[in-house]
N, C-alpha and C. Protein backbone atom coordinates (compact mmCIF):
# COMPACT_ATOMS: atom_id res chain seq x y z
N MET A 1 -3.81 -21.18 1.54
CA MET A 1 -3.52 -19.81 1.87
C MET A 1 -2.05 -19.60 2.19
N GLY A 2 -1.30 -20.66 2.42
CA GLY A 2 0.08 -20.47 2.83
C GLY A 2 0.23 -20.78 4.30
N SER A 3 1.44 -21.00 4.73
CA SER A 3 1.64 -21.33 6.14
C SER A 3 1.71 -20.06 6.97
N CYS A 4 1.13 -20.14 8.16
CA CYS A 4 1.15 -19.00 9.06
C CYS A 4 1.01 -19.49 10.49
N CYS A 5 1.28 -18.62 11.41
CA CYS A 5 1.20 -18.93 12.83
C CYS A 5 0.22 -17.96 13.47
N PHE A 6 -0.81 -18.49 14.13
CA PHE A 6 -1.84 -17.65 14.76
C PHE A 6 -1.58 -17.52 16.25
N GLN A 7 -1.87 -16.35 16.77
CA GLN A 7 -1.81 -16.10 18.21
C GLN A 7 -2.99 -15.19 18.52
N GLN A 8 -3.79 -15.58 19.51
CA GLN A 8 -4.99 -14.82 19.82
C GLN A 8 -4.85 -14.17 21.19
N ARG A 9 -5.32 -12.91 21.31
CA ARG A 9 -5.31 -12.19 22.58
C ARG A 9 -6.61 -11.46 22.76
N ARG A 10 -6.99 -11.23 23.99
CA ARG A 10 -8.18 -10.46 24.33
C ARG A 10 -7.79 -9.39 25.30
N GLY A 11 -8.74 -8.47 25.48
CA GLY A 11 -8.54 -7.69 26.64
C GLY A 11 -8.77 -6.21 26.63
N ARG A 12 -8.10 -5.45 25.91
CA ARG A 12 -8.15 -4.02 26.13
C ARG A 12 -9.27 -3.34 25.34
N LEU A 13 -9.45 -2.08 25.69
CA LEU A 13 -10.45 -1.27 25.00
C LEU A 13 -9.77 -0.36 23.98
N GLU A 14 -10.36 -0.27 22.81
CA GLU A 14 -9.92 0.69 21.80
C GLU A 14 -11.16 1.36 21.26
N ASP A 15 -11.13 2.68 21.19
CA ASP A 15 -12.30 3.44 20.74
C ASP A 15 -13.54 3.09 21.55
N ALA A 16 -13.36 2.90 22.85
CA ALA A 16 -14.43 2.58 23.79
C ALA A 16 -15.13 1.27 23.46
N ARG A 17 -14.42 0.36 22.81
CA ARG A 17 -14.99 -0.94 22.47
C ARG A 17 -14.02 -2.03 22.90
N ARG A 18 -14.55 -3.11 23.42
CA ARG A 18 -13.74 -4.26 23.78
C ARG A 18 -13.10 -4.80 22.50
N THR A 19 -11.81 -5.14 22.57
CA THR A 19 -11.08 -5.51 21.38
C THR A 19 -10.39 -6.85 21.57
N GLY A 20 -10.46 -7.69 20.56
CA GLY A 20 -9.71 -8.94 20.53
C GLY A 20 -8.74 -8.88 19.37
N PHE A 21 -7.62 -9.54 19.50
CA PHE A 21 -6.59 -9.50 18.47
C PHE A 21 -6.26 -10.91 18.01
N VAL A 22 -5.98 -11.05 16.73
CA VAL A 22 -5.44 -12.28 16.18
C VAL A 22 -4.16 -11.89 15.46
N PHE A 23 -3.04 -12.41 15.92
CA PHE A 23 -1.75 -12.11 15.31
C PHE A 23 -1.40 -13.23 14.34
N ILE A 24 -0.97 -12.86 13.15
CA ILE A 24 -0.64 -13.83 12.12
C ILE A 24 0.78 -13.58 11.66
N ASP A 25 1.60 -14.60 11.70
CA ASP A 25 2.97 -14.51 11.19
C ASP A 25 3.01 -15.30 9.89
N ILE A 26 3.13 -14.62 8.78
CA ILE A 26 3.05 -15.25 7.46
C ILE A 26 4.44 -15.69 7.02
N VAL A 27 4.52 -16.92 6.53
CA VAL A 27 5.80 -17.47 6.09
C VAL A 27 5.67 -17.91 4.63
N GLY A 28 6.58 -17.46 3.79
CA GLY A 28 6.62 -17.92 2.41
C GLY A 28 5.54 -17.34 1.50
N ARG A 29 5.03 -16.18 1.84
CA ARG A 29 3.96 -15.58 1.04
C ARG A 29 4.01 -14.07 1.21
N ASP A 30 3.57 -13.33 0.18
CA ASP A 30 3.55 -11.89 0.30
C ASP A 30 2.38 -11.45 1.19
N LEU A 31 2.60 -10.42 1.95
CA LEU A 31 1.63 -9.96 2.94
C LEU A 31 0.34 -9.47 2.29
N GLY A 32 0.45 -8.65 1.25
CA GLY A 32 -0.73 -8.10 0.60
C GLY A 32 -1.62 -9.17 0.01
N GLY A 33 -1.03 -10.15 -0.67
CA GLY A 33 -1.80 -11.24 -1.26
C GLY A 33 -2.49 -12.08 -0.21
N TYR A 34 -1.79 -12.35 0.89
CA TYR A 34 -2.38 -13.14 1.97
C TYR A 34 -3.58 -12.41 2.58
N VAL A 35 -3.42 -11.13 2.87
CA VAL A 35 -4.50 -10.37 3.51
C VAL A 35 -5.70 -10.27 2.57
N GLU A 36 -5.47 -10.04 1.29
CA GLU A 36 -6.59 -9.96 0.34
C GLU A 36 -7.35 -11.28 0.29
N GLU A 37 -6.62 -12.40 0.25
CA GLU A 37 -7.27 -13.71 0.23
C GLU A 37 -7.98 -13.99 1.56
N ALA A 38 -7.33 -13.65 2.67
CA ALA A 38 -7.95 -13.85 3.98
C ALA A 38 -9.20 -12.99 4.13
N ARG A 39 -9.15 -11.77 3.65
CA ARG A 39 -10.33 -10.89 3.68
C ARG A 39 -11.51 -11.51 2.96
N GLN A 40 -11.23 -12.09 1.77
CA GLN A 40 -12.29 -12.70 0.99
C GLN A 40 -12.87 -13.91 1.72
N VAL A 41 -12.02 -14.74 2.29
CA VAL A 41 -12.48 -15.91 3.03
C VAL A 41 -13.31 -15.49 4.24
N VAL A 42 -12.85 -14.50 4.98
CA VAL A 42 -13.58 -14.02 6.16
C VAL A 42 -14.92 -13.43 5.75
N THR A 43 -14.93 -12.65 4.67
CA THR A 43 -16.18 -12.05 4.19
C THR A 43 -17.18 -13.13 3.78
N ASP A 44 -16.69 -14.20 3.15
CA ASP A 44 -17.58 -15.27 2.68
C ASP A 44 -18.06 -16.18 3.79
N THR A 45 -17.28 -16.34 4.87
CA THR A 45 -17.62 -17.36 5.86
C THR A 45 -18.06 -16.82 7.22
N VAL A 46 -17.75 -15.58 7.56
CA VAL A 46 -18.04 -15.06 8.90
C VAL A 46 -19.20 -14.07 8.83
N THR A 47 -20.19 -14.30 9.68
CA THR A 47 -21.30 -13.36 9.83
C THR A 47 -21.15 -12.71 11.20
N LEU A 48 -20.96 -11.40 11.21
CA LEU A 48 -20.75 -10.68 12.47
C LEU A 48 -22.08 -10.21 13.04
N PRO A 49 -22.26 -10.36 14.35
CA PRO A 49 -23.45 -9.81 14.98
C PRO A 49 -23.41 -8.28 14.99
N PRO A 50 -24.53 -7.63 15.20
CA PRO A 50 -24.54 -6.16 15.27
C PRO A 50 -23.58 -5.65 16.34
N GLY A 51 -22.84 -4.60 16.02
CA GLY A 51 -21.90 -4.00 16.97
C GLY A 51 -20.49 -4.55 16.87
N TYR A 52 -20.28 -5.59 16.06
CA TYR A 52 -18.96 -6.18 15.88
C TYR A 52 -18.37 -5.72 14.56
N SER A 53 -17.04 -5.64 14.51
CA SER A 53 -16.38 -5.28 13.26
C SER A 53 -15.02 -5.96 13.20
N ILE A 54 -14.49 -6.02 11.99
CA ILE A 54 -13.16 -6.59 11.76
C ILE A 54 -12.30 -5.50 11.13
N THR A 55 -11.11 -5.32 11.68
CA THR A 55 -10.16 -4.34 11.14
C THR A 55 -8.84 -5.05 10.87
N TRP A 56 -8.32 -4.86 9.67
CA TRP A 56 -7.02 -5.42 9.32
C TRP A 56 -5.97 -4.36 9.62
N ALA A 57 -5.01 -4.69 10.47
CA ALA A 57 -4.06 -3.69 10.94
C ALA A 57 -2.63 -4.22 10.83
N GLY A 58 -1.72 -3.53 11.46
CA GLY A 58 -0.32 -3.96 11.49
C GLY A 58 0.43 -3.49 10.26
N GLN A 59 1.36 -4.32 9.79
CA GLN A 59 2.17 -3.97 8.64
C GLN A 59 1.31 -3.75 7.40
N TYR A 60 0.23 -4.52 7.28
CA TYR A 60 -0.65 -4.37 6.12
C TYR A 60 -1.25 -2.97 6.08
N ALA A 61 -1.74 -2.47 7.20
CA ALA A 61 -2.31 -1.13 7.25
C ALA A 61 -1.25 -0.08 6.93
N PHE A 62 -0.04 -0.30 7.42
CA PHE A 62 1.06 0.63 7.12
C PHE A 62 1.35 0.66 5.62
N ILE A 63 1.39 -0.51 4.99
CA ILE A 63 1.64 -0.59 3.56
C ILE A 63 0.53 0.11 2.79
N GLN A 64 -0.71 -0.07 3.19
CA GLN A 64 -1.84 0.58 2.52
C GLN A 64 -1.73 2.11 2.63
N ARG A 65 -1.39 2.60 3.82
CA ARG A 65 -1.24 4.05 3.99
C ARG A 65 -0.11 4.60 3.13
N MET A 66 0.99 3.87 3.05
CA MET A 66 2.11 4.32 2.22
C MET A 66 1.74 4.32 0.74
N GLN A 67 1.01 3.31 0.30
CA GLN A 67 0.58 3.29 -1.10
C GLN A 67 -0.34 4.46 -1.40
N ASP A 68 -1.24 4.77 -0.48
CA ASP A 68 -2.13 5.92 -0.67
C ASP A 68 -1.33 7.22 -0.74
N ARG A 69 -0.34 7.35 0.12
CA ARG A 69 0.49 8.55 0.13
C ARG A 69 1.31 8.66 -1.15
N LEU A 70 1.86 7.54 -1.61
CA LEU A 70 2.68 7.57 -2.82
C LEU A 70 1.86 7.90 -4.07
N THR A 71 0.58 7.57 -4.08
CA THR A 71 -0.25 7.92 -5.23
C THR A 71 -0.40 9.42 -5.35
N LEU A 72 -0.18 10.15 -4.28
CA LEU A 72 -0.19 11.61 -4.33
C LEU A 72 1.20 12.19 -4.54
N VAL A 73 2.19 11.63 -3.88
CA VAL A 73 3.54 12.20 -3.90
C VAL A 73 4.23 12.01 -5.25
N VAL A 74 4.12 10.84 -5.85
CA VAL A 74 4.83 10.57 -7.11
C VAL A 74 4.34 11.48 -8.24
N PRO A 75 3.04 11.60 -8.49
CA PRO A 75 2.62 12.54 -9.55
C PRO A 75 2.97 14.00 -9.23
N ALA A 76 2.87 14.39 -7.97
CA ALA A 76 3.23 15.75 -7.60
C ALA A 76 4.71 16.01 -7.85
N THR A 77 5.56 15.06 -7.54
CA THR A 77 6.98 15.19 -7.78
C THR A 77 7.27 15.28 -9.28
N PHE A 78 6.61 14.44 -10.06
CA PHE A 78 6.78 14.49 -11.51
C PHE A 78 6.36 15.85 -12.06
N LEU A 79 5.28 16.39 -11.56
CA LEU A 79 4.81 17.71 -12.00
C LEU A 79 5.81 18.80 -11.63
N ILE A 80 6.33 18.75 -10.42
CA ILE A 80 7.32 19.74 -9.99
C ILE A 80 8.58 19.68 -10.84
N ILE A 81 9.05 18.46 -11.12
CA ILE A 81 10.24 18.30 -11.96
C ILE A 81 9.98 18.84 -13.36
N THR A 82 8.79 18.56 -13.89
CA THR A 82 8.45 19.07 -15.22
C THR A 82 8.43 20.59 -15.23
N LEU A 83 7.86 21.19 -14.21
CA LEU A 83 7.83 22.66 -14.13
C LEU A 83 9.24 23.24 -14.01
N MET A 84 10.09 22.59 -13.23
CA MET A 84 11.46 23.07 -13.08
C MET A 84 12.23 22.95 -14.40
N LEU A 85 12.00 21.88 -15.14
CA LEU A 85 12.65 21.74 -16.45
C LEU A 85 12.17 22.82 -17.40
N PHE A 86 10.87 23.09 -17.37
CA PHE A 86 10.35 24.13 -18.24
C PHE A 86 10.91 25.49 -17.87
N MET A 87 11.06 25.76 -16.57
CA MET A 87 11.64 27.03 -16.13
C MET A 87 13.10 27.14 -16.56
N ALA A 88 13.81 26.01 -16.58
CA ALA A 88 15.23 26.03 -16.95
C ALA A 88 15.42 26.17 -18.46
N PHE A 89 14.59 25.48 -19.25
CA PHE A 89 14.80 25.47 -20.70
C PHE A 89 13.86 26.40 -21.46
N SER A 90 12.75 26.76 -20.89
CA SER A 90 11.76 27.66 -21.50
C SER A 90 11.23 27.18 -22.86
N ARG A 91 11.37 25.91 -23.12
CA ARG A 91 10.85 25.35 -24.38
C ARG A 91 10.21 24.00 -24.10
N VAL A 92 9.01 23.83 -24.59
CA VAL A 92 8.29 22.58 -24.37
C VAL A 92 8.97 21.42 -25.09
N THR A 93 9.55 21.67 -26.23
CA THR A 93 10.20 20.61 -27.00
C THR A 93 11.35 19.97 -26.22
N GLU A 94 12.20 20.79 -25.64
CA GLU A 94 13.33 20.25 -24.88
C GLU A 94 12.87 19.49 -23.64
N VAL A 95 11.87 20.01 -22.98
CA VAL A 95 11.32 19.32 -21.81
C VAL A 95 10.73 17.98 -22.23
N ALA A 96 10.03 17.95 -23.36
CA ALA A 96 9.43 16.70 -23.85
C ALA A 96 10.51 15.68 -24.19
N ILE A 97 11.60 16.11 -24.78
CA ILE A 97 12.70 15.19 -25.11
C ILE A 97 13.29 14.59 -23.83
N ILE A 98 13.50 15.42 -22.84
CA ILE A 98 14.06 14.94 -21.56
C ILE A 98 13.10 13.96 -20.90
N LEU A 99 11.82 14.29 -20.88
CA LEU A 99 10.84 13.41 -20.25
C LEU A 99 10.65 12.12 -21.04
N ALA A 100 10.81 12.17 -22.36
CA ALA A 100 10.71 10.96 -23.18
C ALA A 100 11.88 10.02 -22.90
N ALA A 101 13.01 10.56 -22.51
CA ALA A 101 14.18 9.74 -22.20
C ALA A 101 14.11 9.15 -20.79
N LEU A 102 13.19 9.61 -19.99
CA LEU A 102 13.09 9.17 -18.60
C LEU A 102 12.88 7.66 -18.44
N PRO A 103 11.99 7.01 -19.20
CA PRO A 103 11.84 5.56 -19.03
C PRO A 103 13.12 4.78 -19.34
N VAL A 104 13.88 5.21 -20.34
CA VAL A 104 15.14 4.56 -20.67
C VAL A 104 16.14 4.75 -19.54
N ALA A 105 16.17 5.95 -18.96
CA ALA A 105 17.08 6.22 -17.85
C ALA A 105 16.71 5.39 -16.63
N LEU A 106 15.43 5.23 -16.37
CA LEU A 106 15.00 4.42 -15.23
C LEU A 106 15.30 2.95 -15.43
N ALA A 107 15.29 2.51 -16.69
CA ALA A 107 15.59 1.11 -16.99
C ALA A 107 17.09 0.81 -16.96
N GLY A 108 17.91 1.84 -16.87
CA GLY A 108 19.34 1.63 -16.77
C GLY A 108 20.09 1.88 -18.06
N GLY A 109 19.47 2.54 -18.99
CA GLY A 109 20.14 2.85 -20.25
C GLY A 109 20.05 1.69 -21.21
N SER A 110 20.90 1.72 -22.21
CA SER A 110 20.90 0.64 -23.22
C SER A 110 21.99 -0.36 -22.89
N GLY A 111 21.63 -1.62 -22.99
CA GLY A 111 22.40 -2.81 -22.76
C GLY A 111 23.77 -2.72 -22.36
């Protein structure tokens, strides 16, 4: 799974439930890949009694929320830019030419 450092804490209440924490400091591995692999291992090996749950939080949860937000923001931005181009040029052909050049522009142009 990669090298990591575990730190365990107990104690406080969250959502009216006693909560325990396991802190993991991942070294030499991407966070998303580690959490996905750890999730699979925990799912395969740990049986939780009724009333218990596991939540993956921290930077991983932040990254997941940002990815969810970007799946909405990026297409909406693309749509707004397309509408603005159409309003400026009033021709679908010119807008299509500009949008067709977009991948080349994002790649940095030609050699």
